[in-house]
């Protein structure tokens, strides 16, 4: 399918047919990515999508430990007090 780039105010755009958007399962918000010779339109993802599952997988493989040992600071030694 071909489309024409048209002027929209100070910008340019294209009209996407409703059936094309439905077929691609795209709704109100999308992500755009430019590559030489093309623009990719993808379904927008929510921030941190999949982080909880990734953390669970890391824990299951014992990969969720600190990379460096904890380093006590002067605050820890002199000022911190448990209540």
PDB file of N, CA and C in Angstrom:
ATOM      1  N   UNK A   1       0.833  -1.162   0.000  1.00  0.00           N
ATOM      2  CA  UNK A   1       0.000   0.000   0.000  1.00  0.00           C
ATOM      3  C   UNK A   1       0.888   1.240   0.000  1.00  0.00           C
ATOM      4  N   UNK A   2       0.563   2.193  -0.814  1.00  0.00           N
ATOM      5  CA  UNK A   2       1.315   3.443  -0.870  1.00  0.00           C
ATOM      6  C   UNK A   2       0.497   4.553  -0.234  1.00  0.00           C
ATOM      7  N   UNK A   3       1.211   5.557   0.299  1.00  0.00           N
ATOM      8  CA  UNK A   3       0.558   6.732   0.879  1.00  0.00           C
ATOM      9  C   UNK A   3       1.386   7.950   0.528  1.00  0.00           C
ATOM     10  N   UNK A   4       0.751   9.105   0.506  1.00  0.00           N
ATOM     11  CA  UNK A   4       1.441  10.360   0.225  1.00  0.00           C
ATOM     12  C   UNK A   4       1.766  11.072   1.526  1.00  0.00           C
ATOM     13  N   UNK A   5       2.936  11.683   1.564  1.00  0.00           N
ATOM     14  CA  UNK A   5       3.298  12.517   2.701  1.00  0.00           C
ATOM     15  C   UNK A   5       2.658  13.877   2.468  1.00  0.00           C
ATOM     16  N   UNK A   6       1.886  14.338   3.466  1.00  0.00           N
ATOM     17  CA  UNK A   6       1.159  15.600   3.327  1.00  0.00           C
ATOM     18  C   UNK A   6       1.592  16.572   4.418  1.00  0.00           C
ATOM     19  N   UNK A   7       1.379  17.851   4.149  1.00  0.00           N
ATOM     20  CA  UNK A   7       1.707  18.882   5.123  1.00  0.00           C
ATOM     21  C   UNK A   7       0.590  18.946   6.165  1.00  0.00           C
ATOM     22  N   UNK A   8       0.982  18.962   7.443  1.00  0.00           N
ATOM     23  CA  UNK A   8       0.046  19.098   8.562  1.00  0.00           C
ATOM     24  C   UNK A   8       0.615  20.194   9.456  1.00  0.00           C
ATOM     25  N   UNK A   9       0.146  21.421   9.280  1.00  0.00           N
ATOM     26  CA  UNK A   9       0.698  22.548  10.023  1.00  0.00           C
ATOM     27  C   UNK A   9       2.151  22.751   9.632  1.00  0.00           C
ATOM     28  N   UNK A  10       3.041  22.807  10.627  1.00  0.00           N
ATOM     29  CA  UNK A  10       4.473  22.946  10.356  1.00  0.00           C
ATOM     30  C   UNK A  10       5.155  21.590  10.188  1.00  0.00           C
ATOM     31  N   UNK A  11       4.395  20.517  10.273  1.00  0.00           N
ATOM     32  CA  UNK A  11       4.942  19.168  10.169  1.00  0.00           C
ATOM     33  C   UNK A  11       4.454  18.498   8.904  1.00  0.00           C
ATOM     34  N   UNK A  12       4.807  17.243   8.751  1.00  0.00           N
ATOM     35  CA  UNK A  12       4.304  16.430   7.654  1.00  0.00           C
ATOM     36  C   UNK A  12       3.830  15.113   8.246  1.00  0.00           C
ATOM     37  N   UNK A  13       2.942  14.442   7.539  1.00  0.00           N
ATOM     38  CA  UNK A  13       2.418  13.181   8.046  1.00  0.00           C
ATOM     39  C   UNK A  13       1.790  12.367   6.942  1.00  0.00           C
ATOM     40  N   UNK A  14       1.287  11.208   7.330  1.00  0.00           N
ATOM     41  CA  UNK A  14       0.546  10.340   6.412  1.00  0.00           C
ATOM     42  C   UNK A  14      -0.724   9.886   7.129  1.00  0.00           C
ATOM     43  N   UNK A  15      -1.728   9.579   6.347  1.00  0.00           N
ATOM     44  CA  UNK A  15      -2.966   9.020   6.908  1.00  0.00           C
ATOM     45  C   UNK A  15      -2.880   7.505   6.792  1.00  0.00           C
ATOM     46  N   UNK A  16      -3.190   6.850   7.908  1.00  0.00           N
ATOM     47  CA  UNK A  16      -3.184   5.391   7.915  1.00  0.00           C
ATOM     48  C   UNK A  16      -4.620   4.890   7.928  1.00  0.00           C
ATOM     49  N   UNK A  17      -4.984   4.032   7.002  1.00  0.00           N
ATOM     50  CA  UNK A  17      -6.349   3.504   6.979  1.00  0.00           C
ATOM     51  C   UNK A  17      -6.670   2.729   8.260  1.00  0.00           C
ATOM     52  N   UNK A  18      -7.910   2.845   8.706  1.00  0.00           N
ATOM     53  CA  UNK A  18      -8.367   2.189   9.929  1.00  0.00           C
ATOM     54  C   UNK A  18      -8.143   0.681   9.872  1.00  0.00           C
ATOM     55  N   UNK A  19      -8.410   0.093   8.723  1.00  0.00           N
ATOM     56  CA  UNK A  19      -8.241  -1.364   8.595  1.00  0.00           C
ATOM     57  C   UNK A  19      -6.779  -1.772   8.762  1.00  0.00           C
ATOM     58  N   UNK A  20      -5.856  -0.935   8.282  1.00  0.00           N
ATOM     59  CA  UNK A  20      -4.430  -1.221   8.423  1.00  0.00           C
ATOM     60  C   UNK A  20      -4.025  -1.166   9.905  1.00  0.00           C
ATOM     61  N   UNK A  21      -4.522  -0.158  10.623  1.00  0.00           N
ATOM     62  CA  UNK A  21      -4.230  -0.042  12.051  1.00  0.00           C
ATOM     63  C   UNK A  21      -4.826  -1.216  12.827  1.00  0.00           C
ATOM     64  N   UNK A  22      -6.022  -1.627  12.465  1.00  0.00           N
ATOM     65  CA  UNK A  22      -6.644  -2.775  13.132  1.00  0.00           C
ATOM     66  C   UNK A  22      -5.868  -4.055  12.865  1.00  0.00           C
ATOM     67  N   UNK A  23      -5.443  -4.245  11.635  1.00  0.00           N
ATOM     68  CA  UNK A  23      -4.684  -5.445  11.271  1.00  0.00           C
ATOM     69  C   UNK A  23      -3.351  -5.500  12.016  1.00  0.00           C
ATOM     70  N   UNK A  24      -2.729  -4.343  12.209  1.00  0.00           N
ATOM     71  CA  UNK A  24      -1.451  -4.272  12.934  1.00  0.00           C
ATOM     72  C   UNK A  24      -1.659  -4.252  14.449  1.00  0.00           C
ATOM     73  N   UNK A  25      -2.910  -4.195  14.894  1.00  0.00           N
ATOM     74  CA  UNK A  25      -3.270  -4.146  16.315  1.00  0.00           C
ATOM     75  C   UNK A  25      -2.635  -2.942  17.009  1.00  0.00           C
ATOM     76  N   UNK A  26      -2.678  -1.799  16.323  1.00  0.00           N
ATOM     77  CA  UNK A  26      -2.155  -0.560  16.888  1.00  0.00           C
ATOM     78  C   UNK A  26      -3.336   0.279  17.372  1.00  0.00           C
ATOM     79  N   UNK A  27      -3.177   0.858  18.571  1.00  0.00           N
ATOM     80  CA  UNK A  27      -4.276   1.634  19.144  1.00  0.00           C
ATOM     81  C   UNK A  27      -3.915   3.110  19.182  1.00  0.00           C
ATOM     82  N   UNK A  28      -3.961   3.731  20.340  1.00  0.00           N
ATOM     83  CA  UNK A  28      -3.802   5.181  20.430  1.00  0.00           C
ATOM     84  C   UNK A  28      -2.360   5.651  20.449  1.00  0.00           C
ATOM     85  N   UNK A  29      -1.462   4.897  21.063  1.00  0.00           N
ATOM     86  CA  UNK A  29      -0.085   5.353  21.216  1.00  0.00           C
ATOM     87  C   UNK A  29       0.862   4.359  20.549  1.00  0.00           C
ATOM     88  N   UNK A  30       1.827   4.895  19.804  1.00  0.00           N
ATOM     89  CA  UNK A  30       2.795   4.059  19.107  1.00  0.00           C
ATOM     90  C   UNK A  30       4.201   4.600  19.351  1.00  0.00           C
ATOM     91  N   UNK A  31       5.186   3.783  19.061  1.00  0.00           N
ATOM     92  CA  UNK A  31       6.582   4.201  19.120  1.00  0.00           C
ATOM     93  C   UNK A  31       7.098   4.299  17.695  1.00  0.00           C
ATOM     94  N   UNK A  32       7.857   5.352  17.411  1.00  0.00           N
ATOM     95  CA  UNK A  32       8.419   5.557  16.084  1.00  0.00           C
ATOM     96  C   UNK A  32       9.925   5.401  16.148  1.00  0.00           C
ATOM     97  N   UNK A  33      10.478   4.764  15.135  1.00  0.00           N
ATOM     98  CA  UNK A  33      11.932   4.586  15.051  1.00  0.00           C
ATOM     99  C   UNK A  33      12.343   4.832  13.603  1.00  0.00           C
ATOM    100  N   UNK A  34      13.326   5.697  13.432  1.00  0.00           N
ATOM    101  CA  UNK A  34      13.792   6.019  12.081  1.00  0.00           C
ATOM    102  C   UNK A  34      15.024   5.197  11.742  1.00  0.00           C
ATOM    103  N   UNK A  35      15.031   4.643  10.553  1.00  0.00           N
ATOM    104  CA  UNK A  35      16.175   3.930   9.989  1.00  0.00           C
ATOM    105  C   UNK A  35      16.367   4.477   8.584  1.00  0.00           C
ATOM    106  N   UNK A  36      17.543   4.348   8.023  1.00  0.00           N
ATOM    107  CA  UNK A  36      17.736   4.857   6.660  1.00  0.00           C
ATOM    108  C   UNK A  36      16.703   4.261   5.688  1.00  0.00           C
ATOM    109  N   UNK A  37      15.915   5.133   5.086  1.00  0.00           N
ATOM    110  CA  UNK A  37      14.947   4.694   4.084  1.00  0.00           C
ATOM    111  C   UNK A  37      13.626   4.207   4.629  1.00  0.00           C
ATOM    112  N   UNK A  38      13.423   4.216   5.965  1.00  0.00           N
ATOM    113  CA  UNK A  38      12.135   3.756   6.477  1.00  0.00           C
ATOM    114  C   UNK A  38      11.889   4.269   7.893  1.00  0.00           C
ATOM    115  N   UNK A  39      10.626   4.290   8.253  1.00  0.00           N
ATOM    116  CA  UNK A  39      10.191   4.643   9.601  1.00  0.00           C
ATOM    117  C   UNK A  39       9.401   3.448  10.128  1.00  0.00           C
ATOM    118  N   UNK A  40       9.771   2.950  11.278  1.00  0.00           N
ATOM    119  CA  UNK A  40       9.089   1.809  11.875  1.00  0.00           C
ATOM    120  C   UNK A  40       8.079   2.312  12.902  1.00  0.00           C
ATOM    121  N   UNK A  41       6.874   1.782  12.842  1.00  0.00           N
ATOM    122  CA  UNK A  41       5.822   2.120  13.789  1.00  0.00           C
ATOM    123  C   UNK A  41       5.519   0.856  14.578  1.00  0.00           C
ATOM    124  N   UNK A  42       5.648   0.931  15.903  1.00  0.00           N
ATOM    125  CA  UNK A  42       5.436  -0.238  16.763  1.00  0.00           C
ATOM    126  C   UNK A  42       4.472   0.099  17.880  1.00  0.00           C
ATOM    127  N   UNK A  43       3.833  -0.924  18.407  1.00  0.00           N
ATOM    128  CA  UNK A  43       2.953  -0.753  19.561  1.00  0.00           C
ATOM    129  C   UNK A  43       3.772  -0.194  20.713  1.00  0.00           C
ATOM    130  N   UNK A  44       3.240   0.807  21.395  1.00  0.00           N
ATOM    131  CA  UNK A  44       3.938   1.423  22.527  1.00  0.00           C
ATOM    132  C   UNK A  44       3.961   0.452  23.701  1.00  0.00           C
ATOM    133  N   UNK A  45       5.094   0.391  24.359  1.00  0.00           N
ATOM    134  CA  UNK A  45       5.206  -0.445  25.549  1.00  0.00           C
ATOM    135  C   UNK A  45       5.200   0.450  26.775  1.00  0.00           C
ATOM    136  N   UNK A  46       4.694  -0.087  27.855  1.00  0.00           N
ATOM    137  CA  UNK A  46       4.675   0.664  29.102  1.00  0.00           C
ATOM    138  C   UNK A  46       6.071   0.634  29.700  1.00  0.00           C
ATOM    139  N   UNK A  47       6.467   1.707  30.388  1.00  0.00           N
ATOM    140  CA  UNK A  47       7.788   1.706  31.030  1.00  0.00           C
ATOM    141  C   UNK A  47       7.917   0.525  31.979  1.00  0.00           C
ATOM    142  N   UNK A  48       9.083  -0.069  31.979  1.00  0.00           N
ATOM    143  CA  UNK A  48       9.438  -1.174  32.869  1.00  0.00           C
ATOM    144  C   UNK A  48       8.629  -2.448  32.615  1.00  0.00           C
ATOM    145  N   UNK A  49       8.052  -2.569  31.435  1.00  0.00           N
ATOM    146  CA  UNK A  49       7.325  -3.788  31.103  1.00  0.00           C
ATOM    147  C   UNK A  49       8.284  -4.972  31.139  1.00  0.00           C
ATOM    148  N   UNK A  50       7.913  -5.997  31.863  1.00  0.00           N
ATOM    149  CA  UNK A  50       8.713  -7.219  31.939  1.00  0.00           C
ATOM    150  C   UNK A  50       9.784  -7.218  33.014  1.00  0.00           C
ATOM    151  N   UNK A  51       9.951  -6.102  33.734  1.00  0.00           N
ATOM    152  CA  UNK A  51      11.000  -6.041  34.753  1.00  0.00           C
ATOM    153  C   UNK A  51      10.742  -7.041  35.878  1.00  0.00           C
ATOM    154  N   UNK A  52       9.501  -7.175  36.329  1.00  0.00           N
ATOM    155  CA  UNK A  52       9.191  -8.090  37.434  1.00  0.00           C
ATOM    156  C   UNK A  52       9.519  -9.530  37.051  1.00  0.00           C
ATOM    157  N   UNK A  53       9.160  -9.919  35.839  1.00  0.00           N
ATOM    158  CA  UNK A  53       9.446 -11.281  35.383  1.00  0.00           C
ATOM    159  C   UNK A  53      10.949 -11.506  35.259  1.00  0.00           C
ATOM    160  N   UNK A  54      11.667 -10.497  34.768  1.00  0.00           N
ATOM    161  CA  UNK A  54      13.125 -10.619  34.650  1.00  0.00           C
ATOM    162  C   UNK A  54      13.766 -10.755  36.026  1.00  0.00           C
ATOM    163  N   UNK A  55      13.266 -10.012  37.004  1.00  0.00           N
ATOM    164  CA  UNK A  55      13.802 -10.110  38.365  1.00  0.00           C
ATOM    165  C   UNK A  55      13.541 -11.487  38.953  1.00  0.00           C
ATOM    166  N   UNK A  56      12.372 -12.042  38.684  1.00  0.00           N
ATOM    167  CA  UNK A  56      12.067 -13.394  39.165  1.00  0.00           C
ATOM    168  C   UNK A  56      12.999 -14.432  38.535  1.00  0.00           C
ATOM    169  N   UNK A  57      13.268 -14.293  37.232  1.00  0.00           N
ATOM    170  CA  UNK A  57      14.190 -15.229  36.561  1.00  0.00           C
ATOM    171  C   UNK A  57      15.600 -15.091  37.130  1.00  0.00           C
ATOM    172  N   UNK A  58      16.033 -13.859  37.370  1.00  0.00           N
ATOM    173  CA  UNK A  58      17.361 -13.650  37.958  1.00  0.00           C
ATOM    174  C   UNK A  58      17.445 -14.298  39.337  1.00  0.00           C
ATOM    175  N   UNK A  59      16.393 -14.136  40.149  1.00  0.00           N
ATOM    176  CA  UNK A  59      16.387 -14.723  41.491  1.00  0.00           C
ATOM    177  C   UNK A  59      16.422 -16.247  41.410  1.00  0.00           C
ATOM    178  N   UNK A  60      15.668 -16.805  40.476  1.00  0.00           N
ATOM    179  CA  UNK A  60      15.629 -18.261  40.321  1.00  0.00           C
ATOM    180  C   UNK A  60      17.006 -18.818  39.950  1.00  0.00           C
ATOM    181  N   UNK A  61      17.813 -18.037  39.239  1.00  0.00           N
ATOM    182  CA  UNK A  61      19.153 -18.472  38.829  1.00  0.00           C
ATOM    183  C   UNK A  61      20.246 -17.928  39.758  1.00  0.00           C
ATOM    184  N   UNK A  62      19.830 -17.362  40.895  1.00  0.00           N
ATOM    185  CA  UNK A  62      20.763 -16.795  41.883  1.00  0.00           C
ATOM    186  C   UNK A  62      21.670 -15.750  41.241  1.00  0.00           C
ATOM    187  N   UNK A  63      21.072 -14.918  40.382  1.00  0.00           N
ATOM    188  CA  UNK A  63      21.822 -13.875  39.683  1.00  0.00           C
ATOM    189  C   UNK A  63      21.418 -12.479  40.149  1.00  0.00           C
ATOM    190  N   UNK A  64      20.795 -12.395  41.342  1.00  0.00           N
ATOM    191  CA  UNK A  64      20.306 -11.094  41.805  1.00  0.00           C
ATOM    192  C   UNK A  64      21.113 -10.561  42.992  1.00  0.00           C
ATOM    193  N   UNK A  65      22.355 -10.966  43.079  1.00  0.00           N
ATOM    194  CA  UNK A  65      23.224 -10.462  44.149  1.00  0.00           C
ATOM    195  C   UNK A  65      23.923  -9.191  43.684  1.00  0.00           C
ATOM    196  N   UNK A  66      24.439  -8.419  44.662  1.00  0.00           N
ATOM    197  CA  UNK A  66      25.188  -7.214  44.328  1.00  0.00           C
ATOM    198  C   UNK A  66      26.462  -7.583  43.581  1.00  0.00           C
ATOM    199  N   UNK A  67      26.871  -6.761  42.651  1.00  0.00           N
ATOM    200  CA  UNK A  67      28.104  -7.018  41.907  1.00  0.00           C
ATOM    201  C   UNK A  67      29.334  -6.777  42.777  1.00  0.00           C
ATOM    202  N   UNK A  68      29.270  -5.759  43.619  1.00  0.00           N
ATOM    203  CA  UNK A  68      30.386  -5.416  44.501  1.00  0.00           C
ATOM    204  C   UNK A  68      29.935  -5.577  45.941  1.00  0.00           C
ATOM    205  N   UNK A  69      30.868  -5.930  46.830  1.00  0.00           N
ATOM    206  CA  UNK A  69      30.475  -6.030  48.240  1.00  0.00           C
ATOM    207  C   UNK A  69      30.109  -4.649  48.779  1.00  0.00           C
ATOM    208  N   UNK A  70      29.236  -4.645  49.797  1.00  0.00           N
ATOM    209  CA  UNK A  70      28.847  -3.385  50.419  1.00  0.00           C
ATOM    210  C   UNK A  70      30.067  -2.752  51.078  1.00  0.00           C
ATOM    211  N   UNK A  71      30.247  -1.466  50.891  1.00  0.00           N
ATOM    212  CA  UNK A  71      31.375  -0.742  51.463  1.00  0.00           C
ATOM    213  C   UNK A  71      30.853   0.210  52.533  1.00  0.00           C
ATOM    214  N   UNK A  72      31.174  -0.055  53.820  1.00  0.00           N
ATOM    215  CA  UNK A  72      30.698   0.844  54.864  1.00  0.00           C
ATOM    216  C   UNK A  72      31.324   2.231  54.716  1.00  0.00           C
ATOM    217  N   UNK A  73      30.540   3.250  55.031  1.00  0.00           N
ATOM    218  CA  UNK A  73      31.026   4.622  54.971  1.00  0.00           C
ATOM    219  C   UNK A  73      31.169   5.175  56.387  1.00  0.00           C
ATOM    220  N   UNK A  74      31.705   6.345  56.492  1.00  0.00           N
ATOM    221  CA  UNK A  74      31.846   6.992  57.801  1.00  0.00           C
ATOM    222  C   UNK A  74      30.463   7.172  58.438  1.00  0.00           C
ATOM    223  N   UNK A  75      29.466   7.496  57.636  1.00  0.00           N
ATOM    224  CA  UNK A  75      28.109   7.630  58.147  1.00  0.00           C
ATOM    225  C   UNK A  75      27.665   6.326  58.805  1.00  0.00           C
ATOM    226  N   UNK A  76      27.924   5.186  58.139  1.00  0.00           N
ATOM    227  CA  UNK A  76      27.529   3.891  58.696  1.00  0.00           C
ATOM    228  C   UNK A  76      28.218   3.636  60.036  1.00  0.00           C
ATOM    229  N   UNK A  77      29.478   3.978  60.146  1.00  0.00           N
ATOM    230  CA  UNK A  77      30.254   3.692  61.352  1.00  0.00           C
ATOM    231  C   UNK A  77      29.938   4.663  62.482  1.00  0.00           C
ATOM    232  N   UNK A  78      29.809   5.958  62.175  1.00  0.00           N
ATOM    233  CA  UNK A  78      29.723   6.965  63.229  1.00  0.00           C
ATOM    234  C   UNK A  78      28.301   7.486  63.511  1.00  0.00           C
ATOM    235  N   UNK A  79      27.462   7.563  62.482  1.00  0.00           N
ATOM    236  CA  UNK A  79      26.200   8.269  62.660  1.00  0.00           C
ATOM    237  C   UNK A  79      24.955   7.381  62.658  1.00  0.00           C
ATOM    238  N   UNK A  80      25.003   6.264  61.954  1.00  0.00           N
ATOM    239  CA  UNK A  80      23.815   5.424  61.835  1.00  0.00           C
ATOM    240  C   UNK A  80      23.535   4.729  63.147  1.00  0.00           C
ATOM    241  N   UNK A  81      22.271   4.756  63.577  1.00  0.00           N
ATOM    242  CA  UNK A  81      21.875   4.085  64.791  1.00  0.00           C
ATOM    243  C   UNK A  81      20.561   3.346  64.533  1.00  0.00           C
ATOM    244  N   UNK A  82      20.477   2.096  64.964  1.00  0.00           N
ATOM    245  CA  UNK A  82      19.245   1.319  64.861  1.00  0.00           C
ATOM    246  C   UNK A  82      18.313   1.778  65.986  1.00  0.00           C
ATOM    247  N   UNK A  83      17.054   1.812  65.731  1.00  0.00           N
ATOM    248  CA  UNK A  83      16.064   2.184  66.746  1.00  0.00           C
ATOM    249  C   UNK A  83      15.241   1.001  67.126  1.00  0.00           C
TER     250      UNK A  83
END
